[in-house]
C-alpha atoms as a PDB file:
ATOM      1  CA  MET A   1     -14.356  -5.149   0.679  1.00  0.00           C
ATOM      2  CA  ASN A   2     -12.334  -2.412  -0.411  1.00  0.00           C
ATOM      3  CA  LEU A   3     -12.996   0.499   2.013  1.00  0.00           C
ATOM      4  CA  PRO A   4     -14.429   0.466   5.498  1.00  0.00           C
ATOM      5  CA  LEU A   5     -18.314   1.340   5.439  1.00  0.00           C
ATOM      6  CA  ASN A   6     -20.021   3.663   7.796  1.00  0.00           C
ATOM      7  CA  ALA A   7     -23.357   2.726   9.134  1.00  0.00           C
ATOM      8  CA  ILE A   8     -25.358   4.692   6.636  1.00  0.00           C
ATOM      9  CA  GLU A   9     -23.552   3.033   3.714  1.00  0.00           C
ATOM     10  CA  SER A  10     -24.075  -0.504   5.297  1.00  0.00           C
ATOM     11  CA  ASP A  11     -27.711   0.031   5.841  1.00  0.00           C
ATOM     12  CA  ARG A  12     -28.044   1.171   2.198  1.00  0.00           C
ATOM     13  CA  ILE A  13     -26.235  -1.822   1.043  1.00  0.00           C
ATOM     14  CA  ILE A  14     -28.603  -4.043   2.983  1.00  0.00           C
ATOM     15  CA  GLU A  15     -31.597  -2.070   1.840  1.00  0.00           C
ATOM     16  CA  MET A  16     -30.496  -2.437  -1.881  1.00  0.00           C
ATOM     17  CA  ALA A  17     -29.629  -6.142  -1.541  1.00  0.00           C
ATOM     18  CA  TRP A  18     -33.237  -6.909  -0.114  1.00  0.00           C
ATOM     19  CA  GLU A  19     -34.842  -4.724  -2.949  1.00  0.00           C
ATOM     20  CA  ASP A  20     -35.968  -7.376  -5.643  1.00  0.00           C
ATOM     21  CA  ARG A  21     -35.243  -4.914  -8.696  1.00  0.00           C
ATOM     22  CA  THR A  22     -31.936  -3.462  -7.383  1.00  0.00           C
ATOM     23  CA  THR A  23     -29.069  -5.545  -9.363  1.00  0.00           C
ATOM     24  CA  PHE A  24     -25.745  -6.648  -7.802  1.00  0.00           C
ATOM     25  CA  GLU A  25     -24.349  -4.391 -10.725  1.00  0.00           C
ATOM     26  CA  ALA A  26     -26.127  -1.377  -9.351  1.00  0.00           C
ATOM     27  CA  ILE A  27     -24.556  -2.066  -5.724  1.00  0.00           C
ATOM     28  CA  PHE A  28     -21.122  -2.692  -7.409  1.00  0.00           C
ATOM     29  CA  MET A  29     -21.483   0.737  -9.382  1.00  0.00           C
ATOM     30  CA  GLN A  30     -22.557   2.523  -6.233  1.00  0.00           C
ATOM     31  CA  PHE A  31     -20.387   0.886  -3.496  1.00  0.00           C
ATOM     32  CA  GLY A  32     -17.654  -1.065  -5.365  1.00  0.00           C
ATOM     33  CA  LEU A  33     -18.816  -4.275  -3.826  1.00  0.00           C
ATOM     34  CA  ASN A  34     -19.289  -7.436  -6.135  1.00  0.00           C
ATOM     35  CA  GLU A  35     -21.853 -10.134  -5.583  1.00  0.00           C
ATOM     36  CA  GLN A  36     -19.701 -12.232  -3.276  1.00  0.00           C
ATOM     37  CA  GLU A  37     -18.769  -9.184  -1.135  1.00  0.00           C
ATOM     38  CA  VAL A  38     -22.329  -8.265  -0.868  1.00  0.00           C
ATOM     39  CA  ILE A  39     -23.285 -11.858   0.106  1.00  0.00           C
ATOM     40  CA  ASN A  40     -20.320 -11.690   2.822  1.00  0.00           C
ATOM     41  CA  HIS A  41     -21.566  -8.206   4.059  1.00  0.00           C
ATOM     42  CA  MET A  42     -25.047  -9.555   4.525  1.00  0.00           C
ATOM     43  CA  ARG A  43     -23.713 -12.667   6.308  1.00  0.00           C
ATOM     44  CA  GLN A  44     -21.918 -10.451   8.739  1.00  0.00           C
ATOM     45  CA  GLU A  45     -24.495  -7.987   9.391  1.00  0.00           C
ATOM     46  CA  LEU A  46     -27.950  -9.995   9.430  1.00  0.00           C
ATOM     47  CA  LYS A  47     -29.122 -12.461  12.106  1.00  0.00           C
ATOM     48  CA  PRO A  48     -28.523 -16.179  10.780  1.00  0.00           C
ATOM     49  CA  SER A  49     -32.060 -16.609  10.163  1.00  0.00           C
ATOM     50  CA  SER A  50     -32.374 -13.374   8.237  1.00  0.00           C
ATOM     51  CA  PHE A  51     -29.486 -14.151   6.277  1.00  0.00           C
ATOM     52  CA  LYS A  52     -30.872 -17.598   5.405  1.00  0.00           C
ATOM     53  CA  ARG A  53     -34.206 -15.840   4.427  1.00  0.00           C
ATOM     54  CA  TRP A  54     -32.481 -13.480   2.247  1.00  0.00           C
ATOM     55  CA  ARG A  55     -30.164 -15.998   0.537  1.00  0.00           C
ATOM     56  CA  SER A  56     -32.893 -18.313  -0.326  1.00  0.00           C
ATOM     57  CA  ARG A  57     -34.954 -15.192  -1.817  1.00  0.00           C
ATOM     58  CA  VAL A  58     -32.098 -13.948  -3.935  1.00  0.00           C
ATOM     59  CA  GLN A  59     -30.618 -17.250  -5.037  1.00  0.00           C
ATOM     60  CA  GLY A  60     -31.673 -17.838  -8.691  1.00  0.00           C
ATOM     61  CA  ARG A  61     -33.679 -14.501  -8.961  1.00  0.00           C
ATOM     62  CA  ARG A  62     -33.380 -13.075 -12.415  1.00  0.00           C
ATOM     63  CA  THR A  63     -33.992  -9.501 -11.245  1.00  0.00           C
ATOM     64  CA  LYS A  64     -30.895  -9.349  -9.265  1.00  0.00           C
ATOM     65  CA  HIS A  65     -28.630  -9.905 -12.388  1.00  0.00           C
ATOM     66  CA  ALA A  66     -28.798  -7.356 -15.205  1.00  0.00           C
ATOM     67  CA  LYS A  67     -27.899  -9.985 -17.745  1.00  0.00           C
ATOM     68  CA  LEU A  68     -30.703 -12.252 -16.714  1.00  0.00           C
ATOM     69  CA  ARG A  69     -33.528  -9.485 -16.863  1.00  0.00           C
ATOM     70  CA  THR A  70     -36.207 -10.091 -19.379  1.00  0.00           C
ATOM     71  CA  PHE A  71     -37.701  -6.491 -18.725  1.00  0.00           C
ATOM     72  CA  ILE A  72     -36.297  -3.191 -19.983  1.00  0.00           C
ATOM     73  CA  GLU A  73     -37.702  -0.687 -17.456  1.00  0.00           C
ATOM     74  CA  GLY A  74     -36.438  -1.122 -13.969  1.00  0.00           C
ATOM     75  CA  ARG A  75     -39.533   0.359 -12.177  1.00  0.00           C
ATOM     76  CA  PHE A  76     -43.271  -0.478 -12.188  1.00  0.00           C
ATOM     77  CA  LYS A  77     -45.632   2.446 -12.145  1.00  0.00           C
ATOM     78  CA  CYS A  78     -49.363   1.881 -11.692  1.00  0.00           C
ATOM     79  CA  ASN A  79     -51.462   3.708 -14.261  1.00  0.00           C
ATOM     80  CA  ARG A  80     -53.561   5.325 -11.728  1.00  0.00           C
ATOM     81  CA  GLN A  81     -50.457   6.724  -9.845  1.00  0.00           C
ATOM     82  CA  ARG A  82     -50.412  10.571 -10.238  1.00  0.00           C
ATOM     83  CA  PRO A  83     -47.340  12.782 -10.149  1.00  0.00           C
ATOM     84  CA  ILE A  84     -46.128  14.133  -6.919  1.00  0.00           C
ATOM     85  CA  THR A  85     -46.154  17.921  -7.159  1.00  0.00           C
ATOM     86  CA  GLN A  86     -44.735  20.303  -4.526  1.00  0.00           C
ATOM     87  CA  ASN A  87     -44.156  17.579  -1.831  1.00  0.00           C
ATOM     88  CA  LYS A  88     -48.048  16.840  -1.731  1.00  0.00           C
ATOM     89  CA  ILE A  89     -49.252  13.458  -2.996  1.00  0.00           C
ATOM     90  CA  SER A  90     -52.128  13.946  -5.175  1.00  0.00           C
ATOM     91  CA  LYS A  91     -55.212  12.108  -4.134  1.00  0.00           C
ATOM     92  CA  ARG A  92     -58.094  10.569  -6.116  1.00  0.00           C
END
């Protein structure tokens, strides 16, 4: 890793790594860590069982690599979801 990370940055990297649709390229653009550095960071920060679970989940997942994605849009939005206005969630 290039720079030492504070606790907030470390937590954000772990959160982004667990997200299915956040690519390793997005983590690299935001924090400068390539895929192997993210794997090493996860190995250091997670419990061994959590790391094994994360690694088996991520390995071979198309959504974690921008070049392997088959969809164009990065987020799913339900057609029943209403916009959030003035910090109040609209209800049905």
